[in-house]
PDB file of N, CA and C in Angstrom:
ATOM      1  N   UNK A   1      85.811  96.731 111.939  1.00  0.00           N
ATOM      2  CA  UNK A   1      84.948  97.133 110.858  1.00  0.00           C
ATOM      3  C   UNK A   1      83.531  97.276 111.403  1.00  0.00           C
ATOM      4  N   UNK A   2      82.919  98.407 111.123  1.00  0.00           N
ATOM      5  CA  UNK A   2      81.549  98.636 111.586  1.00  0.00           C
ATOM      6  C   UNK A   2      80.563  97.842 110.720  1.00  0.00           C
ATOM      7  N   UNK A   3      79.333  97.734 111.193  1.00  0.00           N
ATOM      8  CA  UNK A   3      78.295  97.076 110.395  1.00  0.00           C
ATOM      9  C   UNK A   3      78.085  97.803 109.070  1.00  0.00           C
ATOM     10  N   UNK A   4      78.149  99.132 109.118  1.00  0.00           N
ATOM     11  CA  UNK A   4      77.992  99.926 107.903  1.00  0.00           C
ATOM     12  C   UNK A   4      79.115  99.618 106.911  1.00  0.00           C
ATOM     13  N   UNK A   5      80.347  99.512 107.415  1.00  0.00           N
ATOM     14  CA  UNK A   5      81.477  99.156 106.560  1.00  0.00           C
ATOM     15  C   UNK A   5      81.283  97.760 105.976  1.00  0.00           C
ATOM     16  N   UNK A   6      80.842  96.837 106.815  1.00  0.00           N
ATOM     17  CA  UNK A   6      80.615  95.458 106.386  1.00  0.00           C
ATOM     18  C   UNK A   6      79.602  95.425 105.240  1.00  0.00           C
ATOM     19  N   UNK A   7      78.519  96.148 105.391  1.00  0.00           N
ATOM     20  CA  UNK A   7      77.492  96.205 104.345  1.00  0.00           C
ATOM     21  C   UNK A   7      78.039  96.840 103.070  1.00  0.00           C
ATOM     22  N   UNK A   8      78.841  97.879 103.227  1.00  0.00           N
ATOM     23  CA  UNK A   8      79.449  98.553 102.079  1.00  0.00           C
ATOM     24  C   UNK A   8      80.292  97.571 101.275  1.00  0.00           C
ATOM     25  N   UNK A   9      81.175  96.850 101.957  1.00  0.00           N
ATOM     26  CA  UNK A   9      82.058  95.916 101.267  1.00  0.00           C
ATOM     27  C   UNK A   9      81.308  94.709 100.718  1.00  0.00           C
ATOM     28  N   UNK A  10      80.256  94.268 101.404  1.00  0.00           N
ATOM     29  CA  UNK A  10      79.432  93.188 100.863  1.00  0.00           C
ATOM     30  C   UNK A  10      78.873  93.572  99.500  1.00  0.00           C
ATOM     31  N   UNK A  11      78.462  94.830  99.382  1.00  0.00           N
ATOM     32  CA  UNK A  11      77.939  95.322  98.111  1.00  0.00           C
ATOM     33  C   UNK A  11      78.978  95.300  97.008  1.00  0.00           C
ATOM     34  N   UNK A  12      80.213  95.622  97.351  1.00  0.00           N
ATOM     35  CA  UNK A  12      81.289  95.628  96.358  1.00  0.00           C
ATOM     36  C   UNK A  12      81.683  94.205  95.969  1.00  0.00           C
ATOM     37  N   UNK A  13      81.771  93.340  96.947  1.00  0.00           N
ATOM     38  CA  UNK A  13      82.234  91.969  96.718  1.00  0.00           C
ATOM     39  C   UNK A  13      81.140  91.102  96.109  1.00  0.00           C
ATOM     40  N   UNK A  14      79.922  91.525  96.182  1.00  0.00           N
ATOM     41  CA  UNK A  14      78.839  90.774  95.568  1.00  0.00           C
ATOM     42  C   UNK A  14      77.962  90.047  96.563  1.00  0.00           C
ATOM     43  N   UNK A  15      78.026  90.464  97.822  1.00  0.00           N
ATOM     44  CA  UNK A  15      77.120  89.920  98.820  1.00  0.00           C
ATOM     45  C   UNK A  15      77.600  88.672  99.533  1.00  0.00           C
ATOM     46  N   UNK A  16      78.788  88.178  99.200  1.00  0.00           N
ATOM     47  CA  UNK A  16      79.278  86.953  99.827  1.00  0.00           C
ATOM     48  C   UNK A  16      80.774  87.062 100.089  1.00  0.00           C
ATOM     49  N   UNK A  17      81.142  87.200 101.352  1.00  0.00           N
ATOM     50  CA  UNK A  17      82.556  87.315 101.705  1.00  0.00           C
ATOM     51  C   UNK A  17      83.320  86.005 101.543  1.00  0.00           C
ATOM     52  N   UNK A  18      82.631  84.918 101.261  1.00  0.00           N
ATOM     53  CA  UNK A  18      83.292  83.625 101.052  1.00  0.00           C
ATOM     54  C   UNK A  18      83.842  83.478  99.628  1.00  0.00           C
ATOM     55  N   UNK A  19      83.504  84.391  98.720  1.00  0.00           N
ATOM     56  CA  UNK A  19      83.948  84.271  97.333  1.00  0.00           C
ATOM     57  C   UNK A  19      85.460  84.417  97.210  1.00  0.00           C
ATOM     58  N   UNK A  20      85.979  84.040  96.072  1.00  0.00           N
ATOM     59  CA  UNK A  20      87.403  84.209  95.795  1.00  0.00           C
ATOM     60  C   UNK A  20      88.274  83.395  96.725  1.00  0.00           C
ATOM     61  N   UNK A  21      89.120  84.082  97.468  1.00  0.00           N
ATOM     62  CA  UNK A  21      90.044  83.421  98.384  1.00  0.00           C
ATOM     63  C   UNK A  21      89.448  83.182  99.767  1.00  0.00           C
ATOM     64  N   UNK A  22      88.194  83.509  99.946  1.00  0.00           N
ATOM     65  CA  UNK A  22      87.509  83.205 101.194  1.00  0.00           C
ATOM     66  C   UNK A  22      87.332  84.386 102.127  1.00  0.00           C
ATOM     67  N   UNK A  23      86.562  84.145 103.182  1.00  0.00           N
ATOM     68  CA  UNK A  23      86.161  85.190 104.118  1.00  0.00           C
ATOM     69  C   UNK A  23      87.345  85.834 104.829  1.00  0.00           C
ATOM     70  N   UNK A  24      88.279  85.042 105.319  1.00  0.00           N
ATOM     71  CA  UNK A  24      89.430  85.596 106.056  1.00  0.00           C
ATOM     72  C   UNK A  24      90.222  86.561 105.173  1.00  0.00           C
ATOM     73  N   UNK A  25      90.474  86.159 103.945  1.00  0.00           N
ATOM     74  CA  UNK A  25      91.186  87.005 102.978  1.00  0.00           C
ATOM     75  C   UNK A  25      90.408  88.297 102.735  1.00  0.00           C
ATOM     76  N   UNK A  26      89.123  88.170 102.441  1.00  0.00           N
ATOM     77  CA  UNK A  26      88.301  89.340 102.127  1.00  0.00           C
ATOM     78  C   UNK A  26      88.180  90.303 103.298  1.00  0.00           C
ATOM     79  N   UNK A  27      87.982  89.779 104.496  1.00  0.00           N
ATOM     80  CA  UNK A  27      87.898  90.645 105.683  1.00  0.00           C
ATOM     81  C   UNK A  27      89.209  91.384 105.889  1.00  0.00           C
ATOM     82  N   UNK A  28      90.328  90.666 105.761  1.00  0.00           N
ATOM     83  CA  UNK A  28      91.649  91.285 105.910  1.00  0.00           C
ATOM     84  C   UNK A  28      91.812  92.440 104.920  1.00  0.00           C
ATOM     85  N   UNK A  29      91.489  92.192 103.657  1.00  0.00           N
ATOM     86  CA  UNK A  29      91.625  93.237 102.639  1.00  0.00           C
ATOM     87  C   UNK A  29      90.709  94.433 102.922  1.00  0.00           C
ATOM     88  N   UNK A  30      89.502  94.174 103.377  1.00  0.00           N
ATOM     89  CA  UNK A  30      88.570  95.258 103.697  1.00  0.00           C
ATOM     90  C   UNK A  30      89.068  96.089 104.877  1.00  0.00           C
ATOM     91  N   UNK A  31      89.553  95.421 105.913  1.00  0.00           N
ATOM     92  CA  UNK A  31      90.064  96.147 107.081  1.00  0.00           C
ATOM     93  C   UNK A  31      91.288  96.978 106.725  1.00  0.00           C
ATOM     94  N   UNK A  32      92.149  96.428 105.885  1.00  0.00           N
ATOM     95  CA  UNK A  32      93.321  97.182 105.446  1.00  0.00           C
ATOM     96  C   UNK A  32      92.913  98.344 104.549  1.00  0.00           C
ATOM     97  N   UNK A  33      91.901  98.137 103.719  1.00  0.00           N
ATOM     98  CA  UNK A  33      91.397  99.206 102.853  1.00  0.00           C
ATOM     99  C   UNK A  33      90.904 100.390 103.678  1.00  0.00           C
ATOM    100  N   UNK A  34      90.247 100.103 104.770  1.00  0.00           N
ATOM    101  CA  UNK A  34      89.754 101.172 105.653  1.00  0.00           C
ATOM    102  C   UNK A  34      90.924 101.977 106.198  1.00  0.00           C
ATOM    103  N   UNK A  35      91.973 101.287 106.648  1.00  0.00           N
ATOM    104  CA  UNK A  35      93.172 101.983 107.158  1.00  0.00           C
ATOM    105  C   UNK A  35      93.775 102.879 106.077  1.00  0.00           C
ATOM    106  N   UNK A  36      93.928 102.324 104.884  1.00  0.00           N
ATOM    107  CA  UNK A  36      94.553 103.058 103.785  1.00  0.00           C
ATOM    108  C   UNK A  36      93.713 104.279 103.410  1.00  0.00           C
ATOM    109  N   UNK A  37      92.427 104.078 103.215  1.00  0.00           N
ATOM    110  CA  UNK A  37      91.547 105.181 102.802  1.00  0.00           C
ATOM    111  C   UNK A  37      91.466 106.271 103.864  1.00  0.00           C
ATOM    112  N   UNK A  38      91.338 105.882 105.122  1.00  0.00           N
ATOM    113  CA  UNK A  38      91.245 106.872 106.192  1.00  0.00           C
ATOM    114  C   UNK A  38      92.527 107.663 106.349  1.00  0.00           C
ATOM    115  N   UNK A  39      93.654 107.049 106.078  1.00  0.00           N
ATOM    116  CA  UNK A  39      94.938 107.734 106.224  1.00  0.00           C
ATOM    117  C   UNK A  39      95.244 108.624 105.029  1.00  0.00           C
ATOM    118  N   UNK A  40      95.025 108.121 103.820  1.00  0.00           N
ATOM    119  CA  UNK A  40      95.461 108.841 102.616  1.00  0.00           C
ATOM    120  C   UNK A  40      94.391 109.762 102.028  1.00  0.00           C
ATOM    121  N   UNK A  41      93.130 109.401 102.137  1.00  0.00           N
ATOM    122  CA  UNK A  41      91.977 110.243 101.829  1.00  0.00           C
ATOM    123  C   UNK A  41      91.740 110.645 100.375  1.00  0.00           C
ATOM    124  N   UNK A  42      92.641 110.322  99.442  1.00  0.00           N
ATOM    125  CA  UNK A  42      92.392 110.629  98.032  1.00  0.00           C
ATOM    126  C   UNK A  42      92.868 109.477  97.153  1.00  0.00           C
ATOM    127  N   UNK A  43      92.252 109.383  95.976  1.00  0.00           N
ATOM    128  CA  UNK A  43      92.642 108.348  95.026  1.00  0.00           C
ATOM    129  C   UNK A  43      94.095 108.517  94.603  1.00  0.00           C
ATOM    130  N   UNK A  44      94.503 109.763  94.327  1.00  0.00           N
ATOM    131  CA  UNK A  44      95.884 110.002  93.887  1.00  0.00           C
ATOM    132  C   UNK A  44      96.902 109.543  94.929  1.00  0.00           C
ATOM    133  N   UNK A  45      96.622 109.804  96.196  1.00  0.00           N
ATOM    134  CA  UNK A  45      97.550 109.380  97.244  1.00  0.00           C
ATOM    135  C   UNK A  45      97.577 107.859  97.386  1.00  0.00           C
ATOM    136  N   UNK A  46      96.432 107.218  97.176  1.00  0.00           N
ATOM    137  CA  UNK A  46      96.383 105.753  97.249  1.00  0.00           C
ATOM    138  C   UNK A  46      97.161 105.145  96.083  1.00  0.00           C
ATOM    139  N   UNK A  47      97.038 105.717  94.893  1.00  0.00           N
ATOM    140  CA  UNK A  47      97.800 105.234  93.737  1.00  0.00           C
ATOM    141  C   UNK A  47      99.293 105.421  93.984  1.00  0.00           C
ATOM    142  N   UNK A  48      99.684 106.565  94.514  1.00  0.00           N
ATOM    143  CA  UNK A  48     101.089 106.823  94.860  1.00  0.00           C
ATOM    144  C   UNK A  48     101.579 105.798  95.893  1.00  0.00           C
ATOM    145  N   UNK A  49     100.759 105.548  96.902  1.00  0.00           N
ATOM    146  CA  UNK A  49     101.062 104.568  97.939  1.00  0.00           C
ATOM    147  C   UNK A  49     101.267 103.185  97.325  1.00  0.00           C
ATOM    148  N   UNK A  50     100.399 102.798  96.422  1.00  0.00           N
ATOM    149  CA  UNK A  50     100.470 101.481  95.778  1.00  0.00           C
ATOM    150  C   UNK A  50     101.788 101.318  95.014  1.00  0.00           C
ATOM    151  N   UNK A  51     102.282 102.386  94.410  1.00  0.00           N
ATOM    152  CA  UNK A  51     103.502 102.337  93.592  1.00  0.00           C
ATOM    153  C   UNK A  51     104.778 102.487  94.420  1.00  0.00           C
ATOM    154  N   UNK A  52     104.668 102.909  95.665  1.00  0.00           N
ATOM    155  CA  UNK A  52     105.835 103.193  96.506  1.00  0.00           C
ATOM    156  C   UNK A  52     106.527 101.908  96.962  1.00  0.00           C
ATOM    157  N   UNK A  53     107.733 102.060  97.481  1.00  0.00           N
ATOM    158  CA  UNK A  53     108.439 100.927  98.082  1.00  0.00           C
ATOM    159  C   UNK A  53     107.785 100.596  99.413  1.00  0.00           C
ATOM    160  N   UNK A  54     108.039  99.385  99.908  1.00  0.00           N
ATOM    161  CA  UNK A  54     107.446  98.969 101.188  1.00  0.00           C
ATOM    162  C   UNK A  54     107.835  99.925 102.311  1.00  0.00           C
ATOM    163  N   UNK A  55     109.094 100.350 102.337  1.00  0.00           N
ATOM    164  CA  UNK A  55     109.530 101.272 103.396  1.00  0.00           C
ATOM    165  C   UNK A  55     108.740 102.577 103.340  1.00  0.00           C
ATOM    166  N   UNK A  56     108.540 103.099 102.146  1.00  0.00           N
ATOM    167  CA  UNK A  56     107.751 104.333 101.999  1.00  0.00           C
ATOM    168  C   UNK A  56     106.281 104.089 102.320  1.00  0.00           C
ATOM    169  N   UNK A  57     105.767 102.922 101.938  1.00  0.00           N
ATOM    170  CA  UNK A  57     104.380 102.590 102.260  1.00  0.00           C
ATOM    171  C   UNK A  57     104.174 102.570 103.770  1.00  0.00           C
ATOM    172  N   UNK A  58     105.117 102.014 104.506  1.00  0.00           N
ATOM    173  CA  UNK A  58     105.011 101.974 105.976  1.00  0.00           C
ATOM    174  C   UNK A  58     105.047 103.382 106.571  1.00  0.00           C
ATOM    175  N   UNK A  59     105.749 104.286 105.927  1.00  0.00           N
ATOM    176  CA  UNK A  59     105.762 105.676 106.394  1.00  0.00           C
ATOM    177  C   UNK A  59     104.432 106.364 106.081  1.00  0.00           C
ATOM    178  N   UNK A  60     103.869 106.048 104.942  1.00  0.00           N
ATOM    179  CA  UNK A  60     102.627 106.686 104.518  1.00  0.00           C
ATOM    180  C   UNK A  60     101.419 106.182 105.317  1.00  0.00           C
ATOM    181  N   UNK A  61     101.388 104.878 105.611  1.00  0.00           N
ATOM    182  CA  UNK A  61     100.295 104.266 106.381  1.00  0.00           C
ATOM    183  C   UNK A  61     100.944 103.365 107.436  1.00  0.00           C
ATOM    184  N   UNK A  62     101.381 103.958 108.543  1.00  0.00           N
ATOM    185  CA  UNK A  62     102.121 103.188 109.554  1.00  0.00           C
ATOM    186  C   UNK A  62     101.360 101.973 110.107  1.00  0.00           C
ATOM    187  N   UNK A  63     100.051 102.004 110.077  1.00  0.00           N
ATOM    188  CA  UNK A  63      99.276 100.899 110.645  1.00  0.00           C
ATOM    189  C   UNK A  63      99.077  99.730 109.674  1.00  0.00           C
ATOM    190  N   UNK A  64      99.615  99.851 108.457  1.00  0.00           N
ATOM    191  CA  UNK A  64      99.446  98.772 107.475  1.00  0.00           C
ATOM    192  C   UNK A  64     100.062  97.485 108.024  1.00  0.00           C
ATOM    193  N   UNK A  65      99.374  96.385 107.809  1.00  0.00           N
ATOM    194  CA  UNK A  65      99.805  95.089 108.339  1.00  0.00           C
ATOM    195  C   UNK A  65     101.027  94.564 107.585  1.00  0.00           C
ATOM    196  N   UNK A  66     101.960  94.003 108.309  1.00  0.00           N
ATOM    197  CA  UNK A  66     103.175  93.447 107.709  1.00  0.00           C
ATOM    198  C   UNK A  66     102.923  92.131 106.973  1.00  0.00           C
ATOM    199  N   UNK A  67     101.776  91.533 107.146  1.00  0.00           N
ATOM    200  CA  UNK A  67     101.495  90.208 106.589  1.00  0.00           C
ATOM    201  C   UNK A  67     100.886  90.224 105.190  1.00  0.00           C
ATOM    202  N   UNK A  68     100.974  91.343 104.485  1.00  0.00           N
ATOM    203  CA  UNK A  68     100.409  91.415 103.139  1.00  0.00           C
ATOM    204  C   UNK A  68     101.210  90.572 102.152  1.00  0.00           C
ATOM    205  N   UNK A  69     100.487  89.949 101.235  1.00  0.00           N
ATOM    206  CA  UNK A  69     101.089  89.399 100.019  1.00  0.00           C
ATOM    207  C   UNK A  69     100.885  90.470  98.951  1.00  0.00           C
ATOM    208  N   UNK A  70     101.441  90.276  97.803  1.00  0.00           N
ATOM    209  CA  UNK A  70     101.180  91.225  96.719  1.00  0.00           C
ATOM    210  C   UNK A  70      99.705  91.263  96.365  1.00  0.00           C
ATOM    211  N   UNK A  71      99.065  90.106  96.455  1.00  0.00           N
ATOM    212  CA  UNK A  71      97.650  89.996  96.121  1.00  0.00           C
ATOM    213  C   UNK A  71      96.776  90.748  97.122  1.00  0.00           C
ATOM    214  N   UNK A  72      96.990  90.532  98.416  1.00  0.00           N
ATOM    215  CA  UNK A  72      96.160  91.223  99.415  1.00  0.00           C
ATOM    216  C   UNK A  72      96.425  92.727  99.391  1.00  0.00           C
ATOM    217  N   UNK A  73      97.664  93.109  99.133  1.00  0.00           N
ATOM    218  CA  UNK A  73      97.993  94.532  99.095  1.00  0.00           C
ATOM    219  C   UNK A  73      97.275  95.210  97.928  1.00  0.00           C
ATOM    220  N   UNK A  74      97.346  94.608  96.752  1.00  0.00           N
ATOM    221  CA  UNK A  74      96.673  95.182  95.586  1.00  0.00           C
ATOM    222  C   UNK A  74      95.169  95.281  95.785  1.00  0.00           C
ATOM    223  N   UNK A  75      94.580  94.219  96.337  1.00  0.00           N
ATOM    224  CA  UNK A  75      93.133  94.229  96.589  1.00  0.00           C
ATOM    225  C   UNK A  75      92.774  95.300  97.615  1.00  0.00           C
ATOM    226  N   UNK A  76      93.575  95.427  98.658  1.00  0.00           N
ATOM    227  CA  UNK A  76      93.311  96.437  99.693  1.00  0.00           C
ATOM    228  C   UNK A  76      93.352  97.843  99.116  1.00  0.00           C
ATOM    229  N   UNK A  77      94.299  98.096  98.221  1.00  0.00           N
ATOM    230  CA  UNK A  77      94.383  99.419  97.597  1.00  0.00           C
ATOM    231  C   UNK A  77      93.170  99.689  96.712  1.00  0.00           C
ATOM    232  N   UNK A  78      92.737  98.689  95.947  1.00  0.00           N
ATOM    233  CA  UNK A  78      91.551  98.854  95.103  1.00  0.00           C
ATOM    234  C   UNK A  78      90.310  99.107  95.952  1.00  0.00           C
ATOM    235  N   UNK A  79      90.179  98.335  97.029  1.00  0.00           N
ATOM    236  CA  UNK A  79      89.031  98.533  97.917  1.00  0.00           C
ATOM    237  C   UNK A  79      89.102  99.886  98.624  1.00  0.00           C
ATOM    238  N   UNK A  80      90.308 100.353  98.932  1.00  0.00           N
ATOM    239  CA  UNK A  80      90.470 101.658  99.588  1.00  0.00           C
ATOM    240  C   UNK A  80      89.936 102.773  98.700  1.00  0.00           C
ATOM    241  N   UNK A  81      90.220 102.693  97.408  1.00  0.00           N
ATOM    242  CA  UNK A  81      89.702 103.706  96.481  1.00  0.00           C
ATOM    243  C   UNK A  81      88.176 103.669  96.465  1.00  0.00           C
ATOM    244  N   UNK A  82      87.617 102.474  96.444  1.00  0.00           N
ATOM    245  CA  UNK A  82      86.153 102.342  96.475  1.00  0.00           C
ATOM    246  C   UNK A  82      85.552 102.872  97.767  1.00  0.00           C
ATOM    247  N   UNK A  83      86.323 102.768  98.849  1.00  0.00           N
ATOM    248  CA  UNK A  83      85.847 103.152 100.182  1.00  0.00           C
ATOM    249  C   UNK A  83      85.902 104.673 100.419  1.00  0.00           C
ATOM    250  N   UNK A  84      86.574 105.422  99.585  1.00  0.00           N
ATOM    251  CA  UNK A  84      86.747 106.864  99.812  1.00  0.00           C
ATOM    252  C   UNK A  84      85.453 107.631 100.086  1.00  0.00           C
ATOM    253  N   UNK A  85      84.337 107.346  99.412  1.00  0.00           N
ATOM    254  CA  UNK A  85      83.099 108.065  99.762  1.00  0.00           C
ATOM    255  C   UNK A  85      82.680 107.841 101.221  1.00  0.00           C
ATOM    256  N   UNK A  86      82.995 106.676 101.760  1.00  0.00           N
ATOM    257  CA  UNK A  86      82.678 106.403 103.166  1.00  0.00           C
ATOM    258  C   UNK A  86      83.545 107.259 104.088  1.00  0.00           C
ATOM    259  N   UNK A  87      84.783 107.496 103.700  1.00  0.00           N
ATOM    260  CA  UNK A  87      85.681 108.347 104.500  1.00  0.00           C
ATOM    261  C   UNK A  87      85.105 109.747 104.577  1.00  0.00           C
ATOM    262  N   UNK A  88      84.688 110.264 103.436  1.00  0.00           N
ATOM    263  CA  UNK A  88      84.103 111.613 103.406  1.00  0.00           C
ATOM    264  C   UNK A  88      82.830 111.657 104.232  1.00  0.00           C
ATOM    265  N   UNK A  89      82.027 110.628 104.132  1.00  0.00           N
ATOM    266  CA  UNK A  89      80.792 110.550 104.901  1.00  0.00           C
ATOM    267  C   UNK A  89      81.089 110.517 106.397  1.00  0.00           C
ATOM    268  N   UNK A  90      82.055 109.717 106.795  1.00  0.00           N
ATOM    269  CA  UNK A  90      82.428 109.600 108.210  1.00  0.00           C
ATOM    270  C   UNK A  90      82.965 110.913 108.749  1.00  0.00           C
ATOM    271  N   UNK A  91      83.753 111.626 107.956  1.00  0.00           N
ATOM    272  CA  UNK A  91      84.303 112.911 108.405  1.00  0.00           C
ATOM    273  C   UNK A  91      83.173 113.916 108.592  1.00  0.00           C
ATOM    274  N   UNK A  92      82.189 113.873 107.705  1.00  0.00           N
ATOM    275  CA  UNK A  92      81.033 114.764 107.838  1.00  0.00           C
ATOM    276  C   UNK A  92      80.311 114.471 109.149  1.00  0.00           C
ATOM    277  N   UNK A  93      80.127 113.200 109.470  1.00  0.00           N
ATOM    278  CA  UNK A  93      79.460 112.823 110.715  1.00  0.00           C
ATOM    279  C   UNK A  93      80.235 113.306 111.926  1.00  0.00           C
ATOM    280  N   UNK A  94      81.576 113.222 111.869  1.00  0.00           N
ATOM    281  CA  UNK A  94      82.393 113.689 112.992  1.00  0.00           C
ATOM    282  C   UNK A  94      82.198 115.191 113.214  1.00  0.00           C
ATOM    283  N   UNK A  95      82.156 115.952 112.120  1.00  0.00           N
ATOM    284  CA  UNK A  95      81.956 117.408 112.245  1.00  0.00           C
ATOM    285  C   UNK A  95      80.588 117.689 112.858  1.00  0.00           C
ATOM    286  N   UNK A  96      79.571 116.989 112.410  1.00  0.00           N
ATOM    287  CA  UNK A  96      78.225 117.179 112.961  1.00  0.00           C
ATOM    288  C   UNK A  96      78.215 116.813 114.439  1.00  0.00           C
ATOM    289  N   UNK A  97      78.847 115.683 114.793  1.00  0.00           N
ATOM    290  CA  UNK A  97      78.907 115.275 116.193  1.00  0.00           C
ATOM    291  C   UNK A  97      79.614 116.325 117.054  1.00  0.00           C
ATOM    292  N   UNK A  98      80.660 116.942 116.515  1.00  0.00           N
ATOM    293  CA  UNK A  98      81.400 117.949 117.271  1.00  0.00           C
ATOM    294  C   UNK A  98      80.537 119.181 117.514  1.00  0.00           C
ATOM    295  N   UNK A  99      79.741 119.554 116.521  1.00  0.00           N
ATOM    296  CA  UNK A  99      78.859 120.722 116.662  1.00  0.00           C
ATOM    297  C   UNK A  99      77.750 120.431 117.669  1.00  0.00           C
ATOM    298  N   UNK A 100      77.202 119.239 117.635  1.00  0.00           N
ATOM    299  CA  UNK A 100      76.100 118.885 118.545  1.00  0.00           C
ATOM    300  C   UNK A 100      76.560 118.835 119.986  1.00  0.00           C
ATOM    301  N   UNK A 101      77.770 118.364 120.219  1.00  0.00           N
ATOM    302  CA  UNK A 101      78.294 118.271 121.597  1.00  0.00           C
ATOM    303  C   UNK A 101      78.535 119.632 122.109  1.00  0.00           C
TER     304      UNK A 101
END
């Protein structure tokens, strides 16, 4: 997770990663959210992913961690939807970087 991502999620979580189930839980969910958002890229696809079976979810986002509980998975999907503007922003930066090089 980049510093920019960390700041983004701090804003969503309320400025303290120790809240709720604690820092380890929150970091895990944020990192998984990044994977989900970067792979699926739209809210509709994330909602479809959330409703799919585990086998289909693994096909849709192969890098998803096997250690999810229902709670971490649901939180990761919610955070992924929130993270979508960052995905679009990052893709824009990649295009600019490609043009500059």
